[in-house]
PDB file of N, CA and C in Angstrom:
ATOM      1  N   MET A   1      17.862  13.525  -9.079  1.00  0.00           N
ATOM      2  CA  MET A   1      16.549  13.431  -8.619  1.00  0.00           C
ATOM      3  C   MET A   1      16.110  13.770  -7.245  1.00  0.00           C
ATOM      4  N   ALA A   2      14.877  14.726  -7.834  1.00  0.00           N
ATOM      5  CA  ALA A   2      14.579  15.456  -6.471  1.00  0.00           C
ATOM      6  C   ALA A   2      13.583  14.209  -5.950  1.00  0.00           C
ATOM      7  N   VAL A   3      13.916  14.249  -4.195  1.00  0.00           N
ATOM      8  CA  VAL A   3      13.040  13.153  -3.329  1.00  0.00           C
ATOM      9  C   VAL A   3      12.149  13.758  -2.348  1.00  0.00           C
ATOM     10  N   ALA A   4      10.924  13.431  -2.288  1.00  0.00           N
ATOM     11  CA  ALA A   4       9.880  14.309  -1.350  1.00  0.00           C
ATOM     12  C   ALA A   4      10.191  13.913  -0.203  1.00  0.00           C
ATOM     13  N   ARG A   5       9.970  14.673   0.701  1.00  0.00           N
ATOM     14  CA  ARG A   5      10.114  14.629   1.904  1.00  0.00           C
ATOM     15  C   ARG A   5       8.890  14.141   2.666  1.00  0.00           C
ATOM     16  N   ARG A   6       8.996  13.175   3.638  1.00  0.00           N
ATOM     17  CA  ARG A   6       7.861  12.577   4.366  1.00  0.00           C
ATOM     18  C   ARG A   6       7.751  13.118   5.616  1.00  0.00           C
ATOM     19  N   LEU A   7       6.738  13.195   5.900  1.00  0.00           N
ATOM     20  CA  LEU A   7       6.603  13.051   7.140  1.00  0.00           C
ATOM     21  C   LEU A   7       6.587  11.986   7.994  1.00  0.00           C
ATOM     22  N   CYS A   8       7.135  12.028   9.501  1.00  0.00           N
ATOM     23  CA  CYS A   8       7.404  10.498  10.031  1.00  0.00           C
ATOM     24  C   CYS A   8       6.509  10.749  11.402  1.00  0.00           C
ATOM     25  N   CYS A   9       5.191  10.921  11.088  1.00  0.00           N
ATOM     26  CA  CYS A   9       4.061  10.737  11.801  1.00  0.00           C
ATOM     27  C   CYS A   9       2.611  10.351  11.252  1.00  0.00           C
ATOM     28  N   SER A  10       1.873   9.864  12.200  1.00  0.00           N
ATOM     29  CA  SER A  10       0.425   9.530  11.854  1.00  0.00           C
ATOM     30  C   SER A  10      -0.444  10.058  12.581  1.00  0.00           C
ATOM     31  N   ARG A  11      -1.900  10.198  12.128  1.00  0.00           N
ATOM     32  CA  ARG A  11      -2.964  10.618  13.042  1.00  0.00           C
ATOM     33  C   ARG A  11      -3.183   9.931  14.304  1.00  0.00           C
ATOM     34  N   ALA A  12      -3.099  10.733  15.305  1.00  0.00           N
ATOM     35  CA  ALA A  12      -3.366  10.346  16.381  1.00  0.00           C
ATOM     36  C   ALA A  12      -4.448   9.595  16.515  1.00  0.00           C
ATOM     37  N   THR A  13      -4.591   8.041  17.336  1.00  0.00           N
ATOM     38  CA  THR A  13      -6.146   7.187  16.990  1.00  0.00           C
ATOM     39  C   THR A  13      -6.735   6.963  18.454  1.00  0.00           C
ATOM     40  N   VAL A  14      -5.962   7.607  19.843  1.00  0.00           N
ATOM     41  CA  VAL A  14      -6.266   7.167  20.896  1.00  0.00           C
ATOM     42  C   VAL A  14      -6.072   8.252  21.837  1.00  0.00           C
ATOM     43  N   GLY A  15      -6.852   8.502  22.853  1.00  0.00           N
ATOM     44  CA  GLY A  15      -6.805   9.651  23.516  1.00  0.00           C
ATOM     45  C   GLY A  15      -7.566  10.765  24.059  1.00  0.00           C
ATOM     46  N   PRO A  16      -7.754  11.350  25.018  1.00  0.00           N
ATOM     47  CA  PRO A  16      -8.658  12.644  24.784  1.00  0.00           C
ATOM     48  C   PRO A  16      -8.590  13.627  23.999  1.00  0.00           C
ATOM     49  N   LEU A  17      -7.274  13.971  23.968  1.00  0.00           N
ATOM     50  CA  LEU A  17      -6.627  14.809  23.059  1.00  0.00           C
ATOM     51  C   LEU A  17      -7.265  14.809  21.560  1.00  0.00           C
ATOM     52  N   LEU A  18      -7.423  13.814  21.083  1.00  0.00           N
ATOM     53  CA  LEU A  18      -8.308  13.526  19.875  1.00  0.00           C
ATOM     54  C   LEU A  18      -9.296  14.130  19.433  1.00  0.00           C
ATOM     55  N   LEU A  19     -10.400  13.851  20.224  1.00  0.00           N
ATOM     56  CA  LEU A  19     -11.404  14.615  20.513  1.00  0.00           C
ATOM     57  C   LEU A  19     -11.846  16.200  20.710  1.00  0.00           C
ATOM     58  N   ARG A  20     -10.587  16.811  21.257  1.00  0.00           N
ATOM     59  CA  ARG A  20     -10.368  18.251  20.707  1.00  0.00           C
ATOM     60  C   ARG A  20      -9.579  18.852  19.840  1.00  0.00           C
ATOM     61  N   ASP A  21      -8.879  18.203  19.000  1.00  0.00           N
ATOM     62  CA  ASP A  21      -8.082  18.404  18.087  1.00  0.00           C
ATOM     63  C   ASP A  21      -8.059  17.326  16.856  1.00  0.00           C
ATOM     64  N   PRO A  22      -8.906  17.013  16.006  1.00  0.00           N
ATOM     65  CA  PRO A  22      -8.896  16.340  15.104  1.00  0.00           C
ATOM     66  C   PRO A  22      -7.719  16.044  14.312  1.00  0.00           C
ATOM     67  N   GLY A  23      -6.427  17.290  13.858  1.00  0.00           N
ATOM     68  CA  GLY A  23      -5.626  17.066  13.140  1.00  0.00           C
ATOM     69  C   GLY A  23      -4.802  16.666  13.961  1.00  0.00           C
ATOM     70  N   VAL A  24      -4.282  16.496  15.371  1.00  0.00           N
ATOM     71  CA  VAL A  24      -3.278  15.823  16.003  1.00  0.00           C
ATOM     72  C   VAL A  24      -2.924  15.059  15.506  1.00  0.00           C
ATOM     73  N   ARG A  25      -1.339  14.559  15.651  1.00  0.00           N
ATOM     74  CA  ARG A  25      -0.345  13.595  14.881  1.00  0.00           C
ATOM     75  C   ARG A  25       0.281  13.116  15.753  1.00  0.00           C
ATOM     76  N   SER A  26       0.661  11.642  15.804  1.00  0.00           N
ATOM     77  CA  SER A  26       1.696  10.982  16.648  1.00  0.00           C
ATOM     78  C   SER A  26       2.783  10.408  15.663  1.00  0.00           C
ATOM     79  N   PRO A  27       3.797  10.730  16.406  1.00  0.00           N
ATOM     80  CA  PRO A  27       5.263  10.008  15.514  1.00  0.00           C
ATOM     81  C   PRO A  27       4.989   8.831  15.254  1.00  0.00           C
ATOM     82  N   ASP A  28       5.776   8.270  14.257  1.00  0.00           N
ATOM     83  CA  ASP A  28       5.674   6.937  13.811  1.00  0.00           C
ATOM     84  C   ASP A  28       6.430   6.117  14.912  1.00  0.00           C
ATOM     85  N   THR A  29       6.659   4.950  14.841  1.00  0.00           N
ATOM     86  CA  THR A  29       7.216   4.148  15.216  1.00  0.00           C
ATOM     87  C   THR A  29       8.818   4.356  14.623  1.00  0.00           C
ATOM     88  N   LEU A  30       9.753   3.530  15.394  1.00  0.00           N
ATOM     89  CA  LEU A  30      11.123   3.438  14.200  1.00  0.00           C
ATOM     90  C   LEU A  30      10.796   2.402  13.834  1.00  0.00           C
ATOM     91  N   LEU A  31       9.915   0.979  14.278  1.00  0.00           N
ATOM     92  CA  LEU A  31       9.758  -0.035  13.600  1.00  0.00           C
ATOM     93  C   LEU A  31       8.967   0.281  12.009  1.00  0.00           C
ATOM     94  N   ASP A  32       8.012   1.408  12.030  1.00  0.00           N
ATOM     95  CA  ASP A  32       7.159   1.723  11.276  1.00  0.00           C
ATOM     96  C   ASP A  32       7.989   2.365   9.779  1.00  0.00           C
ATOM     97  N   ILE A  33       8.981   3.372  10.608  1.00  0.00           N
ATOM     98  CA  ILE A  33       9.802   4.030   9.461  1.00  0.00           C
ATOM     99  C   ILE A  33      10.909   3.154   8.911  1.00  0.00           C
ATOM    100  N   THR A  34      11.721   2.241   9.607  1.00  0.00           N
ATOM    101  CA  THR A  34      12.378   1.325   9.094  1.00  0.00           C
ATOM    102  C   THR A  34      11.994   0.476   8.392  1.00  0.00           C
ATOM    103  N   ALA A  35      10.550  -0.256   8.439  1.00  0.00           N
ATOM    104  CA  ALA A  35      10.176  -1.306   7.639  1.00  0.00           C
ATOM    105  C   ALA A  35       9.530  -0.414   6.451  1.00  0.00           C
ATOM    106  N   ARG A  36       9.249   1.037   6.358  1.00  0.00           N
ATOM    107  CA  ARG A  36       9.070   1.722   5.144  1.00  0.00           C
ATOM    108  C   ARG A  36       9.840   1.797   4.213  1.00  0.00           C
ATOM    109  N   ILE A  37      11.234   2.014   4.748  1.00  0.00           N
ATOM    110  CA  ILE A  37      12.562   2.412   4.099  1.00  0.00           C
ATOM    111  C   ILE A  37      12.794   0.848   3.531  1.00  0.00           C
ATOM    112  N   VAL A  38      12.378  -0.197   4.247  1.00  0.00           N
ATOM    113  CA  VAL A  38      13.029  -1.325   3.306  1.00  0.00           C
ATOM    114  C   VAL A  38      12.098  -1.613   2.545  1.00  0.00           C
ATOM    115  N   ALA A  39      11.148  -1.761   2.855  1.00  0.00           N
ATOM    116  CA  ALA A  39       9.815  -2.108   2.206  1.00  0.00           C
ATOM    117  C   ALA A  39      10.120  -1.639   0.556  1.00  0.00           C
ATOM    118  N   GLU A  40      10.420  -0.226   0.542  1.00  0.00           N
ATOM    119  CA  GLU A  40      10.597   0.755  -0.775  1.00  0.00           C
ATOM    120  C   GLU A  40      11.918   0.231  -1.589  1.00  0.00           C
ATOM    121  N   ASN A  41      12.911  -0.405  -0.683  1.00  0.00           N
ATOM    122  CA  ASN A  41      14.229  -0.397  -1.498  1.00  0.00           C
ATOM    123  C   ASN A  41      14.777  -1.970  -1.552  1.00  0.00           C
ATOM    124  N   ILE A  42      14.088  -2.646  -0.779  1.00  0.00           N
ATOM    125  CA  ILE A  42      14.673  -3.995  -0.921  1.00  0.00           C
ATOM    126  C   ILE A  42      13.826  -5.210  -0.897  1.00  0.00           C
ATOM    127  N   PRO A  43      13.541  -5.928  -1.991  1.00  0.00           N
ATOM    128  CA  PRO A  43      12.478  -6.883  -2.230  1.00  0.00           C
ATOM    129  C   PRO A  43      12.346  -7.739  -1.079  1.00  0.00           C
ATOM    130  N   PHE A  44      11.114  -8.101  -0.614  1.00  0.00           N
ATOM    131  CA  PHE A  44      10.960  -8.899   0.449  1.00  0.00           C
ATOM    132  C   PHE A  44      11.769 -10.319   0.262  1.00  0.00           C
ATOM    133  N   GLN A  45      11.688 -10.600  -0.962  1.00  0.00           N
ATOM    134  CA  GLN A  45      12.333 -12.201  -1.198  1.00  0.00           C
ATOM    135  C   GLN A  45      13.918 -12.154  -0.761  1.00  0.00           C
ATOM    136  N   ARG A  46      14.368 -11.289  -0.767  1.00  0.00           N
ATOM    137  CA  ARG A  46      15.698 -11.042  -0.372  1.00  0.00           C
ATOM    138  C   ARG A  46      16.217 -11.000   0.845  1.00  0.00           C
ATOM    139  N   ILE A  47      15.148 -10.339   1.558  1.00  0.00           N
ATOM    140  CA  ILE A  47      15.201 -10.179   3.191  1.00  0.00           C
ATOM    141  C   ILE A  47      15.318 -11.805   3.480  1.00  0.00           C
ATOM    142  N   GLU A  48      14.352 -12.402   3.105  1.00  0.00           N
ATOM    143  CA  GLU A  48      13.936 -13.984   3.353  1.00  0.00           C
ATOM    144  C   GLU A  48      15.242 -14.745   3.207  1.00  0.00           C
ATOM    145  N   GLU A  49      15.914 -14.273   2.014  1.00  0.00           N
ATOM    146  CA  GLU A  49      17.008 -15.255   1.521  1.00  0.00           C
ATOM    147  C   GLU A  49      18.296 -15.085   2.779  1.00  0.00           C
ATOM    148  N   ARG A  50      18.707 -13.766   3.031  1.00  0.00           N
ATOM    149  CA  ARG A  50      19.612 -12.907   3.628  1.00  0.00           C
ATOM    150  C   ARG A  50      19.723 -13.192   5.436  1.00  0.00           C
ATOM    151  N   TYR A  51      18.583 -13.480   5.761  1.00  0.00           N
ATOM    152  CA  TYR A  51      18.408 -13.285   7.254  1.00  0.00           C
ATOM    153  C   TYR A  51      17.412 -14.551   7.657  1.00  0.00           C
ATOM    154  N   ASP A  52      18.222 -15.482   8.397  1.00  0.00           N
ATOM    155  CA  ASP A  52      17.284 -16.696   9.047  1.00  0.00           C
ATOM    156  C   ASP A  52      16.253 -16.489   9.761  1.00  0.00           C
ATOM    157  N   ARG A  53      16.438 -15.707  10.725  1.00  0.00           N
ATOM    158  CA  ARG A  53      15.088 -15.479  11.810  1.00  0.00           C
ATOM    159  C   ARG A  53      14.561 -13.652  11.661  1.00  0.00           C
ATOM    160  N   ILE A  54      13.718 -13.496  11.144  1.00  0.00           N
ATOM    161  CA  ILE A  54      12.800 -12.091  11.157  1.00  0.00           C
ATOM    162  C   ILE A  54      11.567 -12.127  11.807  1.00  0.00           C
ATOM    163  N   PRO A  55      11.974 -11.267  13.081  1.00  0.00           N
ATOM    164  CA  PRO A  55      10.676 -11.511  14.143  1.00  0.00           C
ATOM    165  C   PRO A  55       9.264 -11.150  13.347  1.00  0.00           C
ATOM    166  N   GLU A  56       8.011 -11.704  14.040  1.00  0.00           N
ATOM    167  CA  GLU A  56       7.041 -11.882  12.659  1.00  0.00           C
ATOM    168  C   GLU A  56       6.170 -10.162  12.942  1.00  0.00           C
ATOM    169  N   PRO A  57       6.914  -9.195  13.943  1.00  0.00           N
ATOM    170  CA  PRO A  57       5.889  -7.941  13.827  1.00  0.00           C
ATOM    171  C   PRO A  57       6.996  -7.167  12.919  1.00  0.00           C
ATOM    172  N   VAL A  58       8.250  -7.449  12.478  1.00  0.00           N
ATOM    173  CA  VAL A  58       9.022  -6.658  11.854  1.00  0.00           C
ATOM    174  C   VAL A  58       8.590  -7.459  10.064  1.00  0.00           C
ATOM    175  N   GLN A  59       8.205  -8.542   9.794  1.00  0.00           N
ATOM    176  CA  GLN A  59       7.711  -8.990   8.979  1.00  0.00           C
ATOM    177  C   GLN A  59       6.277  -8.546   8.246  1.00  0.00           C
ATOM    178  N   ARG A  60       5.791  -8.102   9.109  1.00  0.00           N
ATOM    179  CA  ARG A  60       4.163  -7.773   9.211  1.00  0.00           C
ATOM    180  C   ARG A  60       4.659  -6.648   8.263  1.00  0.00           C
ATOM    181  N   ARG A  61       5.101  -5.442   9.086  1.00  0.00           N
ATOM    182  CA  ARG A  61       5.088  -4.441   8.895  1.00  0.00           C
ATOM    183  C   ARG A  61       5.932  -3.893   7.551  1.00  0.00           C
ATOM    184  N   ILE A  62       6.850  -4.847   7.354  1.00  0.00           N
ATOM    185  CA  ILE A  62       7.749  -4.761   5.837  1.00  0.00           C
ATOM    186  C   ILE A  62       6.508  -4.989   4.810  1.00  0.00           C
ATOM    187  N   ILE A  63       5.772  -6.049   4.952  1.00  0.00           N
ATOM    188  CA  ILE A  63       5.093  -6.585   4.131  1.00  0.00           C
ATOM    189  C   ILE A  63       3.722  -5.352   4.141  1.00  0.00           C
ATOM    190  N   TYR A  64       3.375  -4.771   4.819  1.00  0.00           N
ATOM    191  CA  TYR A  64       2.488  -3.728   5.323  1.00  0.00           C
ATOM    192  C   TYR A  64       2.906  -3.001   3.870  1.00  0.00           C
ATOM    193  N   TRP A  65       4.132  -2.165   4.262  1.00  0.00           N
ATOM    194  CA  TRP A  65       4.393  -1.092   3.446  1.00  0.00           C
ATOM    195  C   TRP A  65       4.829  -1.485   2.202  1.00  0.00           C
ATOM    196  N   SER A  66       4.875  -2.608   1.687  1.00  0.00           N
ATOM    197  CA  SER A  66       5.582  -3.286   0.395  1.00  0.00           C
ATOM    198  C   SER A  66       4.265  -3.170  -0.532  1.00  0.00           C
ATOM    199  N   PHE A  67       2.984  -3.043  -0.368  1.00  0.00           N
ATOM    200  CA  PHE A  67       2.306  -2.731  -1.533  1.00  0.00           C
ATOM    201  C   PHE A  67       1.867  -1.101  -1.426  1.00  0.00           C
ATOM    202  N   PRO A  68       1.326  -0.958  -2.335  1.00  0.00           N
ATOM    203  CA  PRO A  68       0.586   0.015  -2.981  1.00  0.00           C
ATOM    204  C   PRO A  68      -0.344   0.911  -1.839  1.00  0.00           C
ATOM    205  N   ARG A  69      -0.388   2.221  -1.698  1.00  0.00           N
ATOM    206  CA  ARG A  69      -1.255   3.020  -0.818  1.00  0.00           C
ATOM    207  C   ARG A  69      -2.652   3.129  -1.595  1.00  0.00           C
ATOM    208  N   ASN A  70      -2.260   3.954  -2.858  1.00  0.00           N
ATOM    209  CA  ASN A  70      -3.488   4.474  -3.720  1.00  0.00           C
ATOM    210  C   ASN A  70      -3.832   3.733  -4.518  1.00  0.00           C
ATOM    211  N   GLU A  71      -5.142   4.018  -5.264  1.00  0.00           N
ATOM    212  CA  GLU A  71      -5.999   3.074  -5.936  1.00  0.00           C
ATOM    213  C   GLU A  71      -5.180   3.410  -7.612  1.00  0.00           C
ATOM    214  N   ARG A  72      -4.281   4.481  -7.927  1.00  0.00           N
ATOM    215  CA  ARG A  72      -3.769   4.581  -8.883  1.00  0.00           C
ATOM    216  C   ARG A  72      -2.740   3.439  -9.496  1.00  0.00           C
ATOM    217  N   ASP A  73      -1.604   3.816  -8.358  1.00  0.00           N
ATOM    218  CA  ASP A  73      -0.833   2.550  -8.072  1.00  0.00           C
ATOM    219  C   ASP A  73      -1.158   1.366  -8.422  1.00  0.00           C
ATOM    220  N   ILE A  74      -2.228   0.816  -7.271  1.00  0.00           N
ATOM    221  CA  ILE A  74      -2.706  -0.787  -7.733  1.00  0.00           C
ATOM    222  C   ILE A  74      -3.294  -0.851  -9.090  1.00  0.00           C
ATOM    223  N   CYS A  75      -3.736   0.516  -9.719  1.00  0.00           N
ATOM    224  CA  CYS A  75      -4.266  -0.094 -10.980  1.00  0.00           C
ATOM    225  C   CYS A  75      -3.321  -0.608 -11.879  1.00  0.00           C
ATOM    226  N   MET A  76      -2.129   0.435 -11.787  1.00  0.00           N
ATOM    227  CA  MET A  76      -0.938   0.340 -12.622  1.00  0.00           C
ATOM    228  C   MET A  76      -0.091  -1.212 -12.518  1.00  0.00           C
ATOM    229  N   TYR A  77       0.001  -1.180 -11.243  1.00  0.00           N
ATOM    230  CA  TYR A  77       0.440  -2.666 -10.698  1.00  0.00           C
ATOM    231  C   TYR A  77      -0.410  -3.986 -11.323  1.00  0.00           C
ATOM    232  N   SER A  78      -1.462  -3.666 -11.351  1.00  0.00           N
ATOM    233  CA  SER A  78      -2.302  -4.781 -11.794  1.00  0.00           C
ATOM    234  C   SER A  78      -2.459  -5.171 -13.204  1.00  0.00           C
ATOM    235  N   SER A  79      -2.036  -4.143 -13.847  1.00  0.00           N
ATOM    236  CA  SER A  79      -2.654  -3.981 -15.522  1.00  0.00           C
ATOM    237  C   SER A  79      -0.759  -3.802 -16.038  1.00  0.00           C
ATOM    238  N   LEU A  80       0.148  -4.432 -15.723  1.00  0.00           N
ATOM    239  CA  LEU A  80       1.610  -4.103 -16.339  1.00  0.00           C
ATOM    240  C   LEU A  80       1.871  -5.008 -17.926  1.00  0.00           C
ATOM    241  N   SER A  81       0.389  -5.805 -17.900  1.00  0.00           N
ATOM    242  CA  SER A  81       0.867  -6.844 -18.948  1.00  0.00           C
ATOM    243  C   SER A  81       0.799  -6.221 -20.545  1.00  0.00           C
ATOM    244  N   ARG A  82      -0.477  -5.442 -20.766  1.00  0.00           N
ATOM    245  CA  ARG A  82      -0.367  -4.753 -21.628  1.00  0.00           C
ATOM    246  C   ARG A  82      -1.146  -3.277 -21.348  1.00  0.00           C
ATOM    247  N   VAL A  83      -0.967  -2.623 -22.494  1.00  0.00           N
ATOM    248  CA  VAL A  83      -1.250  -1.308 -22.299  1.00  0.00           C
ATOM    249  C   VAL A  83      -2.535  -1.293 -23.216  1.00  0.00           C
ATOM    250  N   PRO A  84      -3.712  -1.014 -22.472  1.00  0.00           N
ATOM    251  CA  PRO A  84      -5.396  -1.089 -23.066  1.00  0.00           C
ATOM    252  C   PRO A  84      -5.354   0.292 -23.656  1.00  0.00           C
ATOM    253  N   PRO A  85      -6.467   0.118 -24.729  1.00  0.00           N
ATOM    254  CA  PRO A  85      -6.930   1.348 -25.203  1.00  0.00           C
ATOM    255  C   PRO A  85      -7.969   2.115 -24.042  1.00  0.00           C
ATOM    256  N   VAL A  86      -7.512   3.256 -24.449  1.00  0.00           N
ATOM    257  CA  VAL A  86      -8.414   4.329 -23.915  1.00  0.00           C
ATOM    258  C   VAL A  86      -9.726   4.970 -24.650  1.00  0.00           C
ATOM    259  N   ASN A  87     -10.718   4.887 -23.638  1.00  0.00           N
ATOM    260  CA  ASN A  87     -11.959   5.178 -24.051  1.00  0.00           C
ATOM    261  C   ASN A  87     -12.332   7.097 -23.794  1.00  0.00           C
ATOM    262  N   SER A  88     -13.607   7.323 -24.578  1.00  0.00           N
ATOM    263  CA  SER A  88     -13.718   8.612 -24.902  1.00  0.00           C
ATOM    264  C   SER A  88     -13.264   9.576 -23.454  1.00  0.00           C
ATOM    265  N   SER A  89     -13.803   9.089 -22.147  1.00  0.00           N
ATOM    266  CA  SER A  89     -13.701   9.701 -21.077  1.00  0.00           C
ATOM    267  C   SER A  89     -12.383   9.839 -20.389  1.00  0.00           C
ATOM    268  N   GLY A  90     -11.387   8.854 -21.254  1.00  0.00           N
ATOM    269  CA  GLY A  90      -9.822   9.093 -20.922  1.00  0.00           C
ATOM    270  C   GLY A  90      -9.805   8.202 -19.859  1.00  0.00           C
ATOM    271  N   GLU A  91     -10.561   7.228 -19.453  1.00  0.00           N
ATOM    272  CA  GLU A  91     -10.496   5.893 -18.712  1.00  0.00           C
ATOM    273  C   GLU A  91     -10.024   4.882 -19.681  1.00  0.00           C
ATOM    274  N   PRO A  92      -8.764   4.287 -19.038  1.00  0.00           N
ATOM    275  CA  PRO A  92      -8.664   2.763 -19.515  1.00  0.00           C
ATOM    276  C   PRO A  92      -9.679   1.879 -19.710  1.00  0.00           C
ATOM    277  N   GLN A  93      -9.605   1.096 -20.625  1.00  0.00           N
ATOM    278  CA  GLN A  93     -10.711  -0.454 -20.545  1.00  0.00           C
ATOM    279  C   GLN A  93      -9.934  -1.197 -20.701  1.00  0.00           C
ATOM    280  N   ASN A  94     -10.812  -2.702 -20.268  1.00  0.00           N
ATOM    281  CA  ASN A  94     -10.114  -3.899 -20.016  1.00  0.00           C
ATOM    282  C   ASN A  94      -9.357  -4.265 -19.267  1.00  0.00           C
ATOM    283  N   LEU A  95      -8.874  -3.529 -17.854  1.00  0.00           N
ATOM    284  CA  LEU A  95      -7.995  -3.358 -17.136  1.00  0.00           C
ATOM    285  C   LEU A  95      -8.463  -4.656 -16.300  1.00  0.00           C
ATOM    286  N   SER A  96      -7.427  -5.236 -15.625  1.00  0.00           N
ATOM    287  CA  SER A  96      -7.875  -6.335 -14.965  1.00  0.00           C
ATOM    288  C   SER A  96      -8.413  -5.735 -13.412  1.00  0.00           C
ATOM    289  N   PHE A  97      -7.721  -4.639 -13.241  1.00  0.00           N
ATOM    290  CA  PHE A  97      -8.166  -3.884 -11.956  1.00  0.00           C
ATOM    291  C   PHE A  97      -9.586  -3.331 -12.046  1.00  0.00           C
ATOM    292  N   CYS A  98     -10.166  -2.788 -13.601  1.00  0.00           N
ATOM    293  CA  CYS A  98     -11.250  -2.392 -13.604  1.00  0.00           C
ATOM    294  C   CYS A  98     -12.165  -3.491 -13.423  1.00  0.00           C
ATOM    295  N   LYS A  99     -12.010  -4.449 -13.947  1.00  0.00           N
ATOM    296  CA  LYS A  99     -12.700  -5.576 -14.059  1.00  0.00           C
ATOM    297  C   LYS A  99     -13.125  -6.457 -12.502  1.00  0.00           C
ATOM    298  N   GLY A 100     -12.080  -6.231 -12.027  1.00  0.00           N
ATOM    299  CA  GLY A 100     -12.253  -6.514 -10.573  1.00  0.00           C
ATOM    300  C   GLY A 100     -12.986  -5.765  -9.723  1.00  0.00           C
ATOM    301  N   LEU A 101     -12.866  -4.492 -10.039  1.00  0.00           N
ATOM    302  CA  LEU A 101     -13.585  -3.277  -9.358  1.00  0.00           C
ATOM    303  C   LEU A 101     -15.019  -3.485  -9.649  1.00  0.00           C
ATOM    304  N   LYS A 102     -15.195  -3.550 -10.614  1.00  0.00           N
ATOM    305  CA  LYS A 102     -17.001  -3.949 -11.312  1.00  0.00           C
ATOM    306  C   LYS A 102     -17.241  -5.212 -10.560  1.00  0.00           C
ATOM    307  N   LEU A 103     -16.613  -6.278 -10.146  1.00  0.00           N
ATOM    308  CA  LEU A 103     -17.159  -7.052  -9.695  1.00  0.00           C
ATOM    309  C   LEU A 103     -17.162  -6.895  -8.216  1.00  0.00           C
ATOM    310  N   LEU A 104     -16.475  -6.255  -7.470  1.00  0.00           N
ATOM    311  CA  LEU A 104     -16.802  -5.702  -6.388  1.00  0.00           C
ATOM    312  C   LEU A 104     -18.106  -4.944  -6.258  1.00  0.00           C
ATOM    313  N   GLU A 105     -18.144  -4.233  -7.176  1.00  0.00           N
ATOM    314  CA  GLU A 105     -19.357  -3.349  -6.798  1.00  0.00           C
ATOM    315  C   GLU A 105     -20.673  -4.024  -7.302  1.00  0.00           C
ATOM    316  N   THR A 106     -21.090  -4.862  -7.834  1.00  0.00           N
ATOM    317  CA  THR A 106     -21.917  -5.434  -8.234  1.00  0.00           C
ATOM    318  C   THR A 106     -22.060  -6.644  -7.264  1.00  0.00           C
ATOM    319  N   GLY A 107     -21.536  -6.694  -6.382  1.00  0.00           N
ATOM    320  CA  GLY A 107     -21.325  -7.627  -5.275  1.00  0.00           C
ATOM    321  C   GLY A 107     -21.591  -9.039  -5.388  1.00  0.00           C
ATOM    322  N   CYS A 108     -20.388  -9.579  -6.653  1.00  0.00           N
ATOM    323  CA  CYS A 108     -20.285 -10.710  -7.031  1.00  0.00           C
ATOM    324  C   CYS A 108     -18.554 -11.074  -6.065  1.00  0.00           C
ATOM    325  N   VAL A 109     -18.309 -10.197  -5.048  1.00  0.00           N
ATOM    326  CA  VAL A 109     -17.212 -10.746  -4.416  1.00  0.00           C
ATOM    327  C   VAL A 109     -17.821 -10.285  -2.813  1.00  0.00           C
ATOM    328  N   ASP A 110     -17.675 -11.783  -2.083  1.00  0.00           N
ATOM    329  CA  ASP A 110     -17.971 -11.451  -0.456  1.00  0.00           C
ATOM    330  C   ASP A 110     -16.542 -10.773   0.331  1.00  0.00           C
ATOM    331  N   SER A 111     -15.637 -11.253   0.041  1.00  0.00           N
ATOM    332  CA  SER A 111     -14.151 -10.631   0.688  1.00  0.00           C
ATOM    333  C   SER A 111     -13.070 -10.595  -0.201  1.00  0.00           C
ATOM    334  N   VAL A 112     -12.397  -9.444  -0.218  1.00  0.00           N
ATOM    335  CA  VAL A 112     -11.039  -8.979  -0.978  1.00  0.00           C
ATOM    336  C   VAL A 112     -10.110  -9.579  -0.081  1.00  0.00           C
ATOM    337  N   LEU A 113      -9.058 -10.131  -1.023  1.00  0.00           N
ATOM    338  CA  LEU A 113      -7.815 -10.352  -0.353  1.00  0.00           C
ATOM    339  C   LEU A 113      -6.791 -10.288  -1.219  1.00  0.00           C
ATOM    340  N   GLN A 114      -5.725  -9.439  -1.157  1.00  0.00           N
ATOM    341  CA  GLN A 114      -4.439  -9.217  -2.128  1.00  0.00           C
ATOM    342  C   GLN A 114      -3.312 -10.173  -1.611  1.00  0.00           C
ATOM    343  N   VAL A 115      -3.058 -11.005  -2.579  1.00  0.00           N
ATOM    344  CA  VAL A 115      -2.032 -11.597  -2.446  1.00  0.00           C
ATOM    345  C   VAL A 115      -0.871 -11.314  -3.506  1.00  0.00           C
ATOM    346  N   GLY A 116       0.369 -10.818  -2.902  1.00  0.00           N
ATOM    347  CA  GLY A 116       1.142 -10.427  -3.996  1.00  0.00           C
ATOM    348  C   GLY A 116       1.082  -9.150  -4.149  1.00  0.00           C
ATOM    349  N   MET A 117       1.832  -8.633  -5.286  1.00  0.00           N
ATOM    350  CA  MET A 117       1.834  -7.104  -5.733  1.00  0.00           C
ATOM    351  C   MET A 117       1.519  -7.028  -6.905  1.00  0.00           C
TER     352      MET A 117
END
């Protein structure tokens, strides 16, 4: 199985250099790299059960990397209970994700909070 290589750097967000070159990237911290790898391979529940004390910053970064980053993955994880029919435009219908998105777009939701995966 081929593994895609990931860059270990993020866009720079501070400093005068950013004003000159918006494509400048800064290296990720060791905490972020480690938290990302842990989140991809170990369920957070297992980490909590195994270790008595986990520093708060470490917990936050693992939790941050535990959730999907793009809309397609979020849609997939929010709708695993059943396979919905596909309409003529090729988009799934009656997904929980789509219903939630419509509620957000119509102004029925003030603040969005995701709990769990």
